[in-house]
Every structure is written in C-alpha cells, then in structure tokens.
Amino acid sequence: MTRNSKLLLLLILLIAVFAVNSCKKDEQSSISDFLTRSTWNLALLQRFKYVNEALVKTDTIQAGCTLNQTLLFNADNTYNFNNYSCKTGLLSSTWSFTPDMLYLNLNSVISQTSPTFSSKQNVARIINLGQYSLSFDAGDVNIVHKPTDTVVIYRYGFIHSK
C-alpha cells in the first residue's frame, strides 16, 4: 500500500468517524466533557490555501512525522499540546469557548492568523466535537478579508486515545 493510499484511507476513516460522532453545540457542560475526557491524538493536519475565495491548494502537513502529537484539554481551562508542529516539546496555554460555542479561544500559535492580516484572532472554528473525534480549523478563520486576499486555513483532526 503506497503512502498516498494510506493517507487517503486515513482521511476516509476520519470523515466516517466525524460523521458518526457529531454533536450539538448547544450545551457547554457536555461539550466541555467531550473536550476534556481524555487525550486527543493528532491524526491529520491539512493546509488549505484560498486565493480570490477559490481553493487553490490542499496539503497534508507532517505526514511523515514520527512523534506522537497529543492534545490534552484540562478542566481548569488550560491545555497541553505535546510535540506541536512535529517538534519535541510542550506547548501550553489556556482555552475557552466563544459565547456561541462555535469557536475555541486557544491563545497560542495554533490559532494565529497569517501575517497577511493585521488583527490576530486567537480562535479555532470547531468543525466536529464528539465522543471519539475532534476537528477544528485554525489560521485565517473568523476574520474579515477582501475577496482578493490569500487565506490559509489549517485543519486539525484528532481522535481520542484509548
């Protein structure tokens, strides 16, 4: 099985898990419970580049990373990302939900916008949060931009460790 077919199989599996394990974003206690239940393992990181509001490039990032990248959300509203960006070490910061429960305030480099935009939005848009899966978009999300701007979105896909 080639590397590309393995990545495609992983992507299909993640999509299936996301579809089965979606949850409503209307009750903070259950959403917080899902988020803080246990450690999340990074399964897929993609970069989407848009120019003139059209998707022009999609990349799978860190596909060859051999480090176990994990994200742990704590009940005290802190989190730890082990081996973030496929580099040995620990990234720690605070987290919270926005009032509409659609975004996570991550207060770190994970959710910073690109240098193209002057305002830094420390949010990640939740795509899915369920018992077994979490995906969110970070980067140039929740910002106002001109239709001619280049926009870069990073999609993180996680699964719960057993």
C-alpha atoms as a PDB file:
ATOM      1  CA  MET A   1       0.000   0.000   0.000  1.00  0.00           C
ATOM      2  CA  THR A   2       1.502   3.321  -1.038  1.00  0.00           C
ATOM      3  CA  ARG A   3       1.865   6.301   1.254  1.00  0.00           C
ATOM      4  CA  ASN A   4      -0.809   8.250  -0.642  1.00  0.00           C
ATOM      5  CA  SER A   5      -3.297   5.400  -0.424  1.00  0.00           C
ATOM      6  CA  LYS A   6      -2.637   5.132   3.329  1.00  0.00           C
ATOM      7  CA  LEU A   7      -3.319   8.855   3.738  1.00  0.00           C
ATOM      8  CA  LEU A   8      -6.485   8.550   1.655  1.00  0.00           C
ATOM      9  CA  LEU A   9      -7.647   5.605   3.778  1.00  0.00           C
ATOM     10  CA  LEU A  10      -6.936   7.602   6.973  1.00  0.00           C
ATOM     11  CA  LEU A  11      -8.848  10.588   5.595  1.00  0.00           C
ATOM     12  CA  ILE A  12     -11.843   8.406   4.689  1.00  0.00           C
ATOM     13  CA  LEU A  13     -11.773   6.846   8.156  1.00  0.00           C
ATOM     14  CA  LEU A  14     -11.650  10.275   9.807  1.00  0.00           C
ATOM     15  CA  ILE A  15     -14.574  11.520   7.737  1.00  0.00           C
ATOM     16  CA  ALA A  16     -16.602   8.450   8.697  1.00  0.00           C
ATOM     17  CA  VAL A  17     -15.764   8.905  12.380  1.00  0.00           C
ATOM     18  CA  PHE A  18     -16.640  12.617  12.194  1.00  0.00           C
ATOM     19  CA  ALA A  19     -19.982  11.853  10.553  1.00  0.00           C
ATOM     20  CA  VAL A  20     -20.940   9.251  13.148  1.00  0.00           C
ATOM     21  CA  ASN A  21     -19.740  11.200  16.180  1.00  0.00           C
ATOM     22  CA  SER A  22     -21.015  14.699  15.585  1.00  0.00           C
ATOM     23  CA  CYS A  23     -22.595  16.539  18.472  1.00  0.00           C
ATOM     24  CA  LYS A  24     -24.750  19.580  19.058  1.00  0.00           C
ATOM     25  CA  LYS A  25     -23.004  22.774  20.129  1.00  0.00           C
ATOM     26  CA  ASP A  26     -25.703  23.954  22.497  1.00  0.00           C
ATOM     27  CA  GLU A  27     -24.799  22.727  25.974  1.00  0.00           C
ATOM     28  CA  GLN A  28     -21.429  23.798  27.341  1.00  0.00           C
ATOM     29  CA  SER A  29     -21.149  21.152  30.035  1.00  0.00           C
ATOM     30  CA  SER A  30     -21.446  18.246  27.602  1.00  0.00           C
ATOM     31  CA  ILE A  31     -19.147  19.942  25.093  1.00  0.00           C
ATOM     32  CA  SER A  32     -16.574  20.601  27.815  1.00  0.00           C
ATOM     33  CA  ASP A  33     -16.922  16.978  28.929  1.00  0.00           C
ATOM     34  CA  PHE A  34     -16.185  15.742  25.398  1.00  0.00           C
ATOM     35  CA  LEU A  35     -13.218  18.082  25.118  1.00  0.00           C
ATOM     36  CA  THR A  36     -11.635  17.222  28.484  1.00  0.00           C
ATOM     37  CA  ARG A  37     -12.462  13.500  28.652  1.00  0.00           C
ATOM     38  CA  SER A  38      -9.007  12.238  27.655  1.00  0.00           C
ATOM     39  CA  THR A  39      -6.007  12.896  25.448  1.00  0.00           C
ATOM     40  CA  TRP A  40      -6.520  13.641  21.749  1.00  0.00           C
ATOM     41  CA  ASN A  41      -4.065  12.182  19.217  1.00  0.00           C
ATOM     42  CA  LEU A  42      -3.339  14.182  16.084  1.00  0.00           C
ATOM     43  CA  ALA A  43      -4.442  12.066  13.126  1.00  0.00           C
ATOM     44  CA  LEU A  44      -4.311  14.563  10.267  1.00  0.00           C
ATOM     45  CA  LEU A  45      -3.172  18.114   9.662  1.00  0.00           C
ATOM     46  CA  GLN A  46      -4.075  19.813   6.399  1.00  0.00           C
ATOM     47  CA  ARG A  47      -3.415  23.268   4.977  1.00  0.00           C
ATOM     48  CA  PHE A  48      -5.950  24.854   2.624  1.00  0.00           C
ATOM     49  CA  LYS A  49      -4.901  27.886   0.582  1.00  0.00           C
ATOM     50  CA  TYR A  50      -7.544  30.131  -0.951  1.00  0.00           C
ATOM     51  CA  VAL A  51      -6.877  32.903  -3.459  1.00  0.00           C
ATOM     52  CA  ASN A  52      -9.742  35.115  -4.629  1.00  0.00           C
ATOM     53  CA  GLU A  53     -12.019  32.924  -2.443  1.00  0.00           C
ATOM     54  CA  ALA A  54     -11.184  29.835  -4.512  1.00  0.00           C
ATOM     55  CA  LEU A  55      -9.361  26.825  -3.087  1.00  0.00           C
ATOM     56  CA  VAL A  56      -6.079  26.633  -4.985  1.00  0.00           C
ATOM     57  CA  LYS A  57      -4.040  24.181  -2.931  1.00  0.00           C
ATOM     58  CA  THR A  58      -4.510  21.496  -0.287  1.00  0.00           C
ATOM     59  CA  ASP A  59      -1.544  19.973   1.518  1.00  0.00           C
ATOM     60  CA  THR A  60      -1.291  17.244   4.117  1.00  0.00           C
ATOM     61  CA  ILE A  61       1.281  18.503   6.583  1.00  0.00           C
ATOM     62  CA  GLN A  62       3.618  16.462   8.769  1.00  0.00           C
ATOM     63  CA  ALA A  63       2.570  13.189   7.145  1.00  0.00           C
ATOM     64  CA  GLY A  64       5.996  11.723   7.871  1.00  0.00           C
ATOM     65  CA  CYS A  65       6.180  12.885  11.491  1.00  0.00           C
ATOM     66  CA  THR A  66       7.187  10.039  13.788  1.00  0.00           C
ATOM     67  CA  LEU A  67       6.477  11.919  17.018  1.00  0.00           C
ATOM     68  CA  ASN A  68       3.234  11.215  18.855  1.00  0.00           C
ATOM     69  CA  GLN A  69       1.452  14.579  18.829  1.00  0.00           C
ATOM     70  CA  THR A  70      -1.175  14.804  21.558  1.00  0.00           C
ATOM     71  CA  LEU A  71      -3.515  17.484  22.808  1.00  0.00           C
ATOM     72  CA  LEU A  72      -4.930  17.432  26.333  1.00  0.00           C
ATOM     73  CA  PHE A  73      -7.630  19.883  27.423  1.00  0.00           C
ATOM     74  CA  ASN A  74      -7.865  20.255  31.195  1.00  0.00           C
ATOM     75  CA  ALA A  75     -10.948  21.123  33.252  1.00  0.00           C
ATOM     76  CA  ASP A  76      -9.144  24.216  34.599  1.00  0.00           C
ATOM     77  CA  ASN A  77      -9.241  25.669  31.045  1.00  0.00           C
ATOM     78  CA  THR A  78      -5.596  25.016  30.236  1.00  0.00           C
ATOM     79  CA  TYR A  79      -4.293  22.715  27.559  1.00  0.00           C
ATOM     80  CA  ASN A  80      -1.052  20.969  26.643  1.00  0.00           C
ATOM     81  CA  PHE A  81      -0.030  20.109  23.092  1.00  0.00           C
ATOM     82  CA  ASN A  82       2.856  17.616  23.152  1.00  0.00           C
ATOM     83  CA  ASN A  83       5.219  17.714  20.179  1.00  0.00           C
ATOM     84  CA  TYR A  84       3.311  20.507  18.443  1.00  0.00           C
ATOM     85  CA  SER A  85       4.429  21.073  14.846  1.00  0.00           C
ATOM     86  CA  CYS A  86       6.374  17.787  14.969  1.00  0.00           C
ATOM     87  CA  LYS A  87       8.955  19.273  17.334  1.00  0.00           C
ATOM     88  CA  THR A  88       9.813  17.708  20.678  1.00  0.00           C
ATOM     89  CA  GLY A  89       8.381  19.798  23.471  1.00  0.00           C
ATOM     90  CA  LEU A  90       5.248  21.059  25.134  1.00  0.00           C
ATOM     91  CA  LEU A  91       3.016  23.967  24.114  1.00  0.00           C
ATOM     92  CA  SER A  92       0.744  25.106  26.954  1.00  0.00           C
ATOM     93  CA  SER A  93      -1.877  27.817  27.106  1.00  0.00           C
ATOM     94  CA  THR A  94      -5.473  28.488  28.099  1.00  0.00           C
ATOM     95  CA  TRP A  95      -8.681  27.657  26.275  1.00  0.00           C
ATOM     96  CA  SER A  96     -12.299  28.745  26.403  1.00  0.00           C
ATOM     97  CA  PHE A  97     -15.371  28.681  24.195  1.00  0.00           C
ATOM     98  CA  THR A  98     -16.739  31.746  22.470  1.00  0.00           C
ATOM     99  CA  PRO A  99     -20.285  32.638  23.608  1.00  0.00           C
ATOM    100  CA  ASP A 100     -21.822  30.973  20.516  1.00  0.00           C
ATOM    101  CA  MET A 101     -19.899  27.730  21.296  1.00  0.00           C
ATOM    102  CA  LEU A 102     -18.649  27.501  17.696  1.00  0.00           C
ATOM    103  CA  TYR A 103     -15.086  28.615  18.337  1.00  0.00           C
ATOM    104  CA  LEU A 104     -12.315  27.740  20.756  1.00  0.00           C
ATOM    105  CA  ASN A 105     -10.106  30.501  22.084  1.00  0.00           C
ATOM    106  CA  LEU A 106      -6.725  28.739  22.141  1.00  0.00           C
ATOM    107  CA  ASN A 107      -4.480  31.735  22.901  1.00  0.00           C
ATOM    108  CA  SER A 108      -1.385  30.351  21.183  1.00  0.00           C
ATOM    109  CA  VAL A 109       0.367  29.887  17.858  1.00  0.00           C
ATOM    110  CA  ILE A 110      -2.106  27.138  16.955  1.00  0.00           C
ATOM    111  CA  SER A 111      -4.810  29.654  16.183  1.00  0.00           C
ATOM    112  CA  GLN A 112      -2.873  32.702  14.975  1.00  0.00           C
ATOM    113  CA  THR A 113      -3.784  34.231  11.632  1.00  0.00           C
ATOM    114  CA  SER A 114      -1.221  34.599   8.874  1.00  0.00           C
ATOM    115  CA  PRO A 115       0.974  37.711   8.648  1.00  0.00           C
ATOM    116  CA  THR A 116      -1.264  38.934   5.801  1.00  0.00           C
ATOM    117  CA  PHE A 117      -3.880  40.071   8.307  1.00  0.00           C
ATOM    118  CA  SER A 118      -3.081  42.676  10.938  1.00  0.00           C
ATOM    119  CA  SER A 119      -5.643  41.572  13.531  1.00  0.00           C
ATOM    120  CA  LYS A 120      -4.754  38.406  15.392  1.00  0.00           C
ATOM    121  CA  GLN A 121      -7.740  36.195  16.095  1.00  0.00           C
ATOM    122  CA  ASN A 122      -6.927  33.566  18.692  1.00  0.00           C
ATOM    123  CA  VAL A 123      -9.781  31.312  17.700  1.00  0.00           C
ATOM    124  CA  ALA A 124     -10.199  27.928  16.113  1.00  0.00           C
ATOM    125  CA  ARG A 125     -13.508  27.121  14.421  1.00  0.00           C
ATOM    126  CA  ILE A 126     -14.916  23.809  15.669  1.00  0.00           C
ATOM    127  CA  ILE A 127     -15.834  21.542  12.763  1.00  0.00           C
ATOM    128  CA  ASN A 128     -16.663  18.496  14.858  1.00  0.00           C
ATOM    129  CA  LEU A 129     -16.514  17.576  18.516  1.00  0.00           C
ATOM    130  CA  GLY A 130     -17.756  14.177  19.544  1.00  0.00           C
ATOM    131  CA  GLN A 131     -17.001  11.344  21.873  1.00  0.00           C
ATOM    132  CA  TYR A 132     -14.218   9.997  19.649  1.00  0.00           C
ATOM    133  CA  SER A 133     -13.229  12.787  17.290  1.00  0.00           C
ATOM    134  CA  LEU A 134     -12.346  16.459  17.235  1.00  0.00           C
ATOM    135  CA  SER A 135     -11.596  18.634  14.251  1.00  0.00           C
ATOM    136  CA  PHE A 136     -11.124  22.353  14.055  1.00  0.00           C
ATOM    137  CA  ASP A 137      -9.916  24.953  11.592  1.00  0.00           C
ATOM    138  CA  ALA A 138      -7.289  27.454  12.672  1.00  0.00           C
ATOM    139  CA  GLY A 139      -5.415  30.225  10.938  1.00  0.00           C
ATOM    140  CA  ASP A 140      -7.363  32.790   8.928  1.00  0.00           C
ATOM    141  CA  VAL A 141     -10.785  31.894  10.370  1.00  0.00           C
ATOM    142  CA  ASN A 142     -13.370  34.336  11.701  1.00  0.00           C
ATOM    143  CA  ILE A 143     -11.676  37.337  10.109  1.00  0.00           C
ATOM    144  CA  VAL A 144     -12.852  39.887   7.606  1.00  0.00           C
ATOM    145  CA  HIS A 145     -10.852  39.802   4.417  1.00  0.00           C
ATOM    146  CA  LYS A 146     -11.159  41.125   0.893  1.00  0.00           C
ATOM    147  CA  PRO A 147     -12.225  38.692  -1.835  1.00  0.00           C
ATOM    148  CA  THR A 148      -8.783  39.094  -3.419  1.00  0.00           C
ATOM    149  CA  ASP A 149      -6.842  38.132  -0.263  1.00  0.00           C
ATOM    150  CA  THR A 150      -4.891  34.926   0.129  1.00  0.00           C
ATOM    151  CA  VAL A 151      -6.379  32.970   3.033  1.00  0.00           C
ATOM    152  CA  VAL A 152      -4.716  29.992   4.729  1.00  0.00           C
ATOM    153  CA  ILE A 153      -6.699  27.563   6.901  1.00  0.00           C
ATOM    154  CA  TYR A 154      -5.163  24.729   8.920  1.00  0.00           C
ATOM    155  CA  ARG A 155      -7.459  21.798   9.678  1.00  0.00           C
ATOM    156  CA  TYR A 156      -6.523  19.656  12.673  1.00  0.00           C
ATOM    157  CA  GLY A 157      -8.106  16.216  13.005  1.00  0.00           C
ATOM    158  CA  PHE A 158      -7.820  14.336  16.302  1.00  0.00           C
ATOM    159  CA  ILE A 159      -9.075  11.049  17.694  1.00  0.00           C
ATOM    160  CA  HIS A 160      -9.310  10.025  21.331  1.00  0.00           C
ATOM    161  CA  SER A 161      -6.611   7.767  22.638  1.00  0.00           C
ATOM    162  CA  LYS A 162      -7.759   4.551  24.206  1.00  0.00           C
END
